[in-house]
Amino acid sequence: MKKIIIFIISFFILPLNIFAISAEKCVVMDLNSGRVLYNLNGNDERLIASITKIMTCLITIMYSDLDKVVVVDEDILQAYGSSVYLEVGEEIKLIDLLYGLMLRSGNDSAVAIANTVAGSMENFVYLMNEYAKTIGMKNTNFINAHGLDSNGVGNTSTAYDMALLTKVAMQNETFKTIFGTKNYKATSNLKEYNWSGKNKLFGMYEYTTGGKTGYTDAARRTLVTTASKDNKNLVIVTLNAPNDFNDHKSLYETYFNKYNAVLTLDKNNFKIDDNYYKDVKFYIKEDYYALVSNEEQKNLKLDITLYKYKDIYNDMKIGEVKVMLNDTILHKESIYIKKEEVKKIEKEKNNSFWSKIIGWFKW
């Protein structure tokens, strides 16, 4: 009886992971707004292994011509662990190396990429760390482009920082395509490659849109994935998660069910009543869906700012609309003047001018 009582007391006192996930650290983030929906030790630094390659891929896309032909040098012989088995002297396009990097987690690809893009691993790492600072990754430090560690020393980051990086990266269409590729064929001057990705979530969860796996003995299993369903777009990062793919599937199901995608900005039905520009219609370029719970939906509001200009022209940016959840900014969208309406105003101004001239002669 005493054992039963102790168990019941412990059950209510000890903190519980309501999702029963295996991860030591985890973040679920809305890809549209960057809002964190779930945070389990998300700001704690840890070795991240091969999810490092998300940054490697993005930096390469930003700084290089992806059609460039790479001549693989002897530095690849220093790489170990997962590999695409490049050979010294092999000639292969940089874009193909990126697919080998992301689908097969090729550490040899990472070495070849770093040398090609920046001249050395050290120079490439500098670019990685500088960009990390630029986008607000405050608890991240890269020492290489592949994610391998030695004696506990390696690339470190947090679940939050890696989610933030992925949010930024997914705004790049080339990265988005690579991240979401399941199979890829590449050809070099020596051989043909057929690569299948290691992201098992593609086969487990139909709404998966991308992912990158990682593992070392020190970091354990690390995983970043993205998924989209009914205009809801999420990224999940888990660090040290023995059952990571099931963790991600469970979390996606939970948060897709918990939150609604509310069409807050409709580009086909955007109207503003304004006295200064009373004869002008406005437009925005993109729809925006706010990810909110039933309880939060009533707290959504729009904050509109219009700039007051005397002279206006076609497709001019005239202001900004912010989507607010209470005092938090979820999204910003620029406001423009419709081309047809601007022409109408210019015509009316000209007519008004000549009417005055004619009126003077009549007088």
Protein backbone atom coordinates (compact mmCIF):
# COMPACT_ATOMS: atom_id res chain seq x y z
CA MET A 1 0.00 0.00 0.00
CA LYS A 2 2.86 2.37 0.84
CA LYS A 3 4.41 1.78 -2.57
CA ILE A 4 1.13 2.67 -4.28
CA ILE A 5 0.82 5.91 -2.31
CA ILE A 6 4.41 6.92 -3.10
CA PHE A 7 3.83 6.21 -6.79
CA ILE A 8 0.69 8.35 -6.90
CA ILE A 9 2.38 11.26 -5.12
CA SER A 10 5.39 11.05 -7.42
CA PHE A 11 3.11 10.95 -10.44
CA PHE A 12 1.63 14.34 -9.58
CA ILE A 13 4.80 16.01 -8.29
CA LEU A 14 7.38 15.04 -10.92
CA PRO A 15 7.36 17.06 -14.18
CA LEU A 16 5.97 15.07 -17.08
CA ASN A 17 6.65 15.21 -20.79
CA ILE A 18 3.05 15.14 -21.99
CA PHE A 19 4.07 14.03 -25.47
CA ALA A 20 6.16 11.13 -24.15
CA ILE A 21 8.93 12.02 -26.59
CA SER A 22 12.44 10.66 -26.22
CA ALA A 23 14.28 13.92 -26.96
CA GLU A 24 16.43 15.64 -24.37
CA LYS A 25 15.97 18.96 -26.17
CA CYS A 26 13.26 19.96 -28.61
CA VAL A 27 11.64 22.97 -30.31
CA VAL A 28 8.50 23.13 -32.45
CA MET A 29 8.41 26.39 -34.45
CA ASP A 30 5.92 27.99 -36.84
CA LEU A 31 7.88 28.43 -40.09
CA ASN A 32 5.79 31.43 -41.11
CA SER A 33 6.23 33.58 -38.02
CA GLY A 34 9.14 32.02 -36.13
CA ARG A 35 6.89 31.63 -33.11
CA VAL A 36 7.90 28.78 -30.78
CA LEU A 37 4.94 26.51 -30.05
CA TYR A 38 6.80 24.00 -27.87
CA ASN A 39 10.12 24.32 -26.09
CA LEU A 40 11.86 21.56 -24.16
CA ASN A 41 15.30 22.80 -23.06
CA GLY A 42 15.39 24.56 -26.42
CA ASN A 43 18.09 27.07 -25.47
CA ASP A 44 20.53 24.56 -23.99
CA GLU A 45 23.73 24.15 -26.02
CA ARG A 46 24.70 20.71 -27.26
CA LEU A 47 26.74 18.98 -29.95
CA ILE A 48 24.61 18.87 -33.11
CA ALA A 49 26.45 16.44 -35.45
CA SER A 50 25.38 16.46 -39.12
CA ILE A 51 22.43 18.82 -38.89
CA THR A 52 25.36 21.26 -39.17
CA LYS A 53 25.05 20.63 -42.90
CA ILE A 54 21.91 22.78 -43.07
CA MET A 55 24.18 25.79 -42.60
CA THR A 56 26.79 24.34 -44.94
CA CYS A 57 24.20 23.96 -47.68
CA LEU A 58 22.74 27.45 -47.23
CA ILE A 59 26.15 29.18 -47.17
CA THR A 60 27.13 27.37 -50.38
CA ILE A 61 23.94 28.45 -52.14
CA MET A 62 24.47 32.05 -51.02
CA TYR A 63 28.15 32.37 -51.95
CA SER A 64 28.75 30.14 -54.97
CA ASP A 65 27.88 29.29 -58.54
CA LEU A 66 26.24 25.89 -58.12
CA ASP A 67 27.03 24.91 -61.71
CA LYS A 68 30.75 25.18 -61.00
CA VAL A 69 32.69 21.96 -61.59
CA VAL A 70 34.67 20.95 -58.50
CA VAL A 71 37.95 19.07 -58.80
CA VAL A 72 38.13 16.99 -55.63
CA ASP A 73 41.44 17.40 -53.79
CA GLU A 74 43.31 15.26 -51.24
CA ASP A 75 41.68 16.99 -48.25
CA ILE A 76 38.75 14.59 -48.58
CA LEU A 77 41.01 11.83 -47.28
CA GLN A 78 40.76 13.47 -43.87
CA ALA A 79 36.99 12.90 -43.78
CA TYR A 80 35.57 9.85 -42.03
CA GLY A 81 32.15 8.59 -41.05
CA SER A 82 29.28 8.97 -43.54
CA SER A 83 30.54 9.48 -47.07
CA VAL A 84 29.52 9.58 -50.73
CA TYR A 85 32.92 8.07 -51.57
CA LEU A 86 34.42 10.81 -53.71
CA GLU A 87 37.81 10.17 -55.27
CA VAL A 88 40.79 12.51 -55.48
CA GLY A 89 40.81 14.17 -58.90
CA GLU A 90 37.12 13.48 -59.50
CA GLU A 91 35.21 16.26 -61.28
CA ILE A 92 31.65 16.90 -60.16
CA LYS A 93 29.29 19.88 -60.07
CA LEU A 94 28.88 21.79 -56.83
CA ILE A 95 25.10 21.36 -56.93
CA ASP A 96 25.59 17.57 -56.99
CA LEU A 97 27.87 17.78 -53.96
CA LEU A 98 25.09 19.60 -52.10
CA TYR A 99 22.69 16.74 -52.74
CA GLY A 100 25.33 14.26 -51.56
CA LEU A 101 25.84 16.44 -48.50
CA MET A 102 22.16 16.58 -47.56
CA LEU A 103 20.80 13.20 -48.67
CA ARG A 104 23.74 10.97 -47.71
CA SER A 105 25.34 13.31 -45.16
CA GLY A 106 28.63 13.03 -47.02
CA ASN A 107 31.46 14.35 -44.87
CA ASP A 108 33.75 14.15 -47.90
CA SER A 109 31.24 16.36 -49.74
CA ALA A 110 31.43 18.88 -46.90
CA VAL A 111 35.23 19.07 -47.15
CA ALA A 112 35.16 19.47 -50.92
CA ILE A 113 32.45 22.12 -50.67
CA ALA A 114 34.28 24.16 -48.02
CA ASN A 115 37.51 24.20 -50.04
CA THR A 116 35.67 25.16 -53.23
CA VAL A 117 33.52 27.93 -51.75
CA ALA A 118 35.99 29.57 -49.38
CA GLY A 119 39.43 28.16 -50.18
CA SER A 120 39.74 26.30 -46.87
CA MET A 121 37.70 24.81 -44.05
CA GLU A 122 38.76 27.69 -41.76
CA ASN A 123 37.49 30.35 -44.17
CA PHE A 124 34.23 28.50 -44.71
CA VAL A 125 33.65 28.17 -40.95
CA TYR A 126 34.14 31.92 -40.65
CA LEU A 127 31.28 32.45 -43.12
CA MET A 128 29.10 30.02 -41.16
CA ASN A 129 29.62 31.76 -37.83
CA GLU A 130 29.20 35.25 -39.24
CA TYR A 131 25.93 34.34 -40.89
CA ALA A 132 24.74 32.64 -37.70
CA LYS A 133 25.24 35.95 -35.87
CA THR A 134 23.45 37.85 -38.62
CA ILE A 135 20.23 35.85 -38.29
CA GLY A 136 20.22 35.78 -34.49
CA MET A 137 21.68 32.37 -33.63
CA LYS A 138 23.03 33.49 -30.25
CA ASN A 139 24.12 30.14 -28.84
CA THR A 140 25.84 28.52 -31.82
CA ASN A 141 29.49 27.88 -32.68
CA PHE A 142 30.75 26.05 -35.76
CA ILE A 143 34.27 24.64 -36.07
CA ASN A 144 33.75 22.62 -39.26
CA ALA A 145 31.33 22.18 -42.17
CA HIS A 146 30.37 18.54 -41.55
CA GLY A 147 29.51 18.18 -37.85
CA LEU A 148 32.05 15.56 -36.80
CA ASP A 149 33.34 15.94 -33.24
CA SER A 150 36.42 14.68 -31.40
CA ASN A 151 36.76 14.14 -27.65
CA GLY A 152 33.56 16.10 -27.08
CA VAL A 153 34.70 19.08 -29.17
CA GLY A 154 32.57 19.90 -32.18
CA ASN A 155 29.85 22.14 -33.52
CA THR A 156 27.45 23.26 -30.82
CA SER A 157 24.04 24.87 -31.05
CA THR A 158 20.56 24.73 -29.56
CA ALA A 159 17.25 23.34 -30.74
CA TYR A 160 15.96 26.92 -31.00
CA ASP A 161 18.91 28.19 -33.04
CA MET A 162 18.66 25.28 -35.47
CA ALA A 163 14.93 25.86 -35.88
CA LEU A 164 15.61 29.53 -36.58
CA LEU A 165 18.27 28.61 -39.15
CA THR A 166 15.88 26.23 -40.89
CA LYS A 167 13.15 28.89 -40.97
CA VAL A 168 15.54 31.26 -42.75
CA ALA A 169 16.88 28.55 -45.06
CA MET A 170 13.40 27.47 -46.15
CA GLN A 171 12.85 30.93 -47.63
CA ASN A 172 15.49 30.04 -50.22
CA GLU A 173 13.90 28.06 -53.03
CA THR A 174 17.07 26.15 -53.95
CA PHE A 175 17.60 25.06 -50.37
CA LYS A 176 13.91 24.15 -50.05
CA THR A 177 14.17 21.90 -53.11
CA ILE A 178 17.31 20.12 -51.87
CA PHE A 179 15.93 19.76 -48.33
CA GLY A 180 12.77 18.14 -49.69
CA THR A 181 14.43 15.71 -52.13
CA LYS A 182 14.09 12.00 -51.45
CA ASN A 183 16.25 10.57 -54.26
CA TYR A 184 18.87 12.07 -56.56
CA LYS A 185 21.09 10.97 -59.44
CA ALA A 186 24.45 12.62 -60.09
CA THR A 187 27.21 12.06 -62.63
CA SER A 188 30.91 12.91 -62.38
CA ASN A 189 33.73 12.30 -64.81
CA LEU A 190 34.37 8.96 -63.07
CA LYS A 191 30.99 7.47 -62.11
CA GLU A 192 27.28 7.77 -61.56
CA TYR A 193 25.64 8.20 -58.16
CA ASN A 194 22.16 7.21 -57.01
CA TRP A 195 21.45 8.70 -53.61
CA SER A 196 18.47 8.06 -51.34
CA GLY A 197 17.90 10.34 -48.38
CA LYS A 198 18.21 9.21 -44.75
CA ASN A 199 15.10 11.07 -43.59
CA LYS A 200 12.76 8.17 -42.74
CA LEU A 201 9.97 10.58 -41.84
CA PHE A 202 9.12 10.86 -45.54
CA GLY A 203 7.87 7.28 -45.38
CA MET A 204 6.23 7.64 -41.97
CA TYR A 205 4.36 10.92 -42.25
CA GLU A 206 2.72 12.09 -45.47
CA TYR A 207 2.97 15.83 -44.72
CA THR A 208 6.77 15.84 -44.40
CA THR A 209 8.45 18.42 -46.66
CA GLY A 210 12.13 18.04 -45.73
CA GLY A 211 14.73 17.01 -43.20
CA LYS A 212 18.32 16.43 -42.16
CA THR A 213 19.59 13.70 -39.87
CA GLY A 214 22.67 13.65 -37.66
CA TYR A 215 24.56 11.27 -35.40
CA THR A 216 27.86 10.93 -33.57
CA ASP A 217 28.64 8.94 -30.44
CA ALA A 218 28.94 12.17 -28.43
CA ALA A 219 25.99 14.09 -29.92
CA ARG A 220 23.73 11.05 -30.26
CA ARG A 221 20.77 11.32 -32.64
CA THR A 222 19.92 14.80 -33.91
CA LEU A 223 17.14 15.59 -36.37
CA VAL A 224 15.59 18.59 -38.12
CA THR A 225 12.43 18.15 -40.20
CA THR A 226 9.71 20.29 -41.75
CA ALA A 227 6.08 19.50 -42.55
CA SER A 228 3.10 21.33 -44.04
CA LYS A 229 -0.61 20.65 -43.72
CA ASP A 230 -3.61 22.86 -44.56
CA ASN A 231 -1.51 26.06 -44.76
CA LYS A 232 0.26 25.19 -41.49
CA ASN A 233 4.06 25.01 -41.79
CA LEU A 234 6.20 23.72 -38.94
CA VAL A 235 9.84 22.90 -38.25
CA ILE A 236 10.84 20.50 -35.47
CA VAL A 237 14.33 20.09 -34.03
CA THR A 238 15.28 17.31 -31.60
CA LEU A 239 18.68 16.80 -29.98
CA ASN A 240 19.69 13.54 -28.31
CA ALA A 241 16.48 11.76 -29.24
CA PRO A 242 16.77 7.94 -29.39
CA ASN A 243 13.33 7.67 -31.01
CA ASP A 244 13.56 10.84 -33.08
CA PHE A 245 11.40 10.01 -36.12
CA ASN A 246 8.49 8.91 -33.93
CA ASP A 247 9.02 12.01 -31.79
CA HIS A 248 8.63 14.21 -34.84
CA LYS A 249 5.57 12.41 -36.15
CA SER A 250 3.87 12.64 -32.75
CA LEU A 251 4.68 16.32 -32.38
CA TYR A 252 3.45 17.18 -35.87
CA GLU A 253 0.16 15.40 -35.25
CA THR A 254 -0.25 17.17 -31.90
CA TYR A 255 0.48 20.69 -33.13
CA PHE A 256 -1.33 20.45 -36.44
CA ASN A 257 -4.41 19.48 -34.43
CA LYS A 258 -3.92 22.12 -31.76
CA TYR A 259 -3.52 25.13 -34.06
CA ASN A 260 -5.60 26.64 -36.86
CA ALA A 261 -4.35 28.42 -39.97
CA VAL A 262 -6.38 31.64 -40.11
CA LEU A 263 -6.29 33.63 -43.35
CA THR A 264 -5.41 36.99 -41.83
CA LEU A 265 -4.19 38.77 -44.97
CA ASP A 266 -6.00 38.01 -48.22
CA LYS A 267 -4.25 39.49 -51.26
CA ASN A 268 -7.44 39.15 -53.32
CA ASN A 269 -9.56 40.98 -50.79
CA PHE A 270 -7.39 43.65 -49.16
CA LYS A 271 -9.10 46.97 -48.42
CA ILE A 272 -8.21 50.08 -46.43
CA ASP A 273 -10.40 53.10 -45.71
CA ASP A 274 -8.12 56.11 -45.68
CA ASN A 275 -8.96 59.82 -46.00
CA TYR A 276 -5.56 60.89 -47.31
CA TYR A 277 -5.64 58.47 -50.24
CA LYS A 278 -9.42 58.30 -50.47
CA ASP A 279 -9.61 57.56 -54.21
CA VAL A 280 -6.85 54.96 -54.19
CA LYS A 281 -7.03 51.19 -53.82
CA PHE A 282 -4.22 49.27 -52.15
CA TYR A 283 -2.82 45.79 -52.62
CA ILE A 284 -0.47 43.30 -50.98
CA LYS A 285 1.54 40.61 -52.75
CA GLU A 286 1.08 37.59 -50.48
CA ASP A 287 -1.58 35.90 -48.37
CA TYR A 288 -0.72 35.26 -44.76
CA TYR A 289 -2.10 32.52 -42.54
CA ALA A 290 -1.68 33.08 -38.81
CA LEU A 291 -1.14 29.89 -36.81
CA VAL A 292 -3.23 30.27 -33.65
CA SER A 293 -5.28 28.20 -31.24
CA ASN A 294 -9.02 28.64 -30.84
CA GLU A 295 -8.44 30.74 -27.72
CA GLU A 296 -5.84 32.96 -29.41
CA GLN A 297 -7.82 33.67 -32.57
CA LYS A 298 -9.86 36.46 -30.95
CA ASN A 299 -6.62 38.28 -30.08
CA LEU A 300 -5.47 38.64 -33.70
CA LYS A 301 -5.42 42.17 -35.07
CA LEU A 302 -3.93 44.21 -37.92
CA ASP A 303 -1.73 47.25 -37.37
CA ILE A 304 -1.65 49.35 -40.57
CA THR A 305 0.80 52.17 -41.25
CA LEU A 306 0.50 54.32 -44.39
CA TYR A 307 3.18 56.79 -45.48
CA LYS A 308 1.91 60.21 -46.58
CA TYR A 309 3.36 61.15 -49.97
CA LYS A 310 2.31 64.02 -52.26
CA ASP A 311 3.66 62.36 -55.38
CA ILE A 312 2.82 58.73 -56.05
CA TYR A 313 3.67 56.34 -58.86
CA ASN A 314 2.69 52.91 -60.15
CA ASP A 315 3.25 49.99 -57.76
CA MET A 316 4.77 52.25 -55.15
CA LYS A 317 5.23 50.88 -51.64
CA ILE A 318 2.92 53.03 -49.60
CA GLY A 319 2.90 51.38 -46.19
CA GLU A 320 3.02 48.25 -44.08
CA VAL A 321 0.57 45.98 -42.33
CA LYS A 322 1.56 44.00 -39.24
CA VAL A 323 -0.29 40.90 -38.09
CA MET A 324 -0.37 41.04 -34.29
CA LEU A 325 -1.18 38.42 -31.68
CA ASN A 326 -1.73 40.57 -28.62
CA ASP A 327 1.55 42.57 -28.57
CA THR A 328 3.58 40.06 -30.60
CA ILE A 329 4.29 40.71 -34.29
CA LEU A 330 3.65 37.52 -36.26
CA HIS A 331 4.18 38.92 -39.75
CA LYS A 332 4.85 42.08 -41.75
CA GLU A 333 3.63 42.70 -45.29
CA SER A 334 4.27 45.72 -47.52
CA ILE A 335 1.32 47.67 -48.92
CA TYR A 336 1.37 48.98 -52.51
CA ILE A 337 -0.83 51.21 -54.68
CA LYS A 338 -2.62 49.60 -57.58
CA LYS A 339 -1.28 50.71 -60.96
CA GLU A 340 -4.71 51.41 -62.45
CA GLU A 341 -5.73 53.61 -59.54
CA VAL A 342 -2.56 55.70 -59.75
CA LYS A 343 -3.23 56.41 -63.41
CA LYS A 344 -6.75 57.48 -62.50
CA ILE A 345 -5.46 59.95 -59.90
CA GLU A 346 -2.89 61.40 -62.32
CA LYS A 347 -5.61 61.83 -64.94
CA GLU A 348 -7.91 63.54 -62.46
CA LYS A 349 -5.11 65.88 -61.38
CA ASN A 350 -4.43 66.84 -65.02
CA ASN A 351 -8.13 67.36 -65.71
CA SER A 352 -8.44 69.51 -62.61
CA PHE A 353 -5.50 71.69 -63.74
CA TRP A 354 -6.92 72.32 -67.22
CA SER A 355 -10.39 72.94 -65.78
CA LYS A 356 -8.95 75.78 -63.72
CA ILE A 357 -7.23 77.30 -66.78
CA ILE A 358 -10.42 77.14 -68.82
CA GLY A 359 -12.36 78.62 -65.92
CA TRP A 360 -10.04 81.64 -65.80
CA PHE A 361 -10.66 82.40 -69.51
CA LYS A 362 -14.42 82.05 -69.05
CA TRP A 363 -14.31 84.52 -66.20
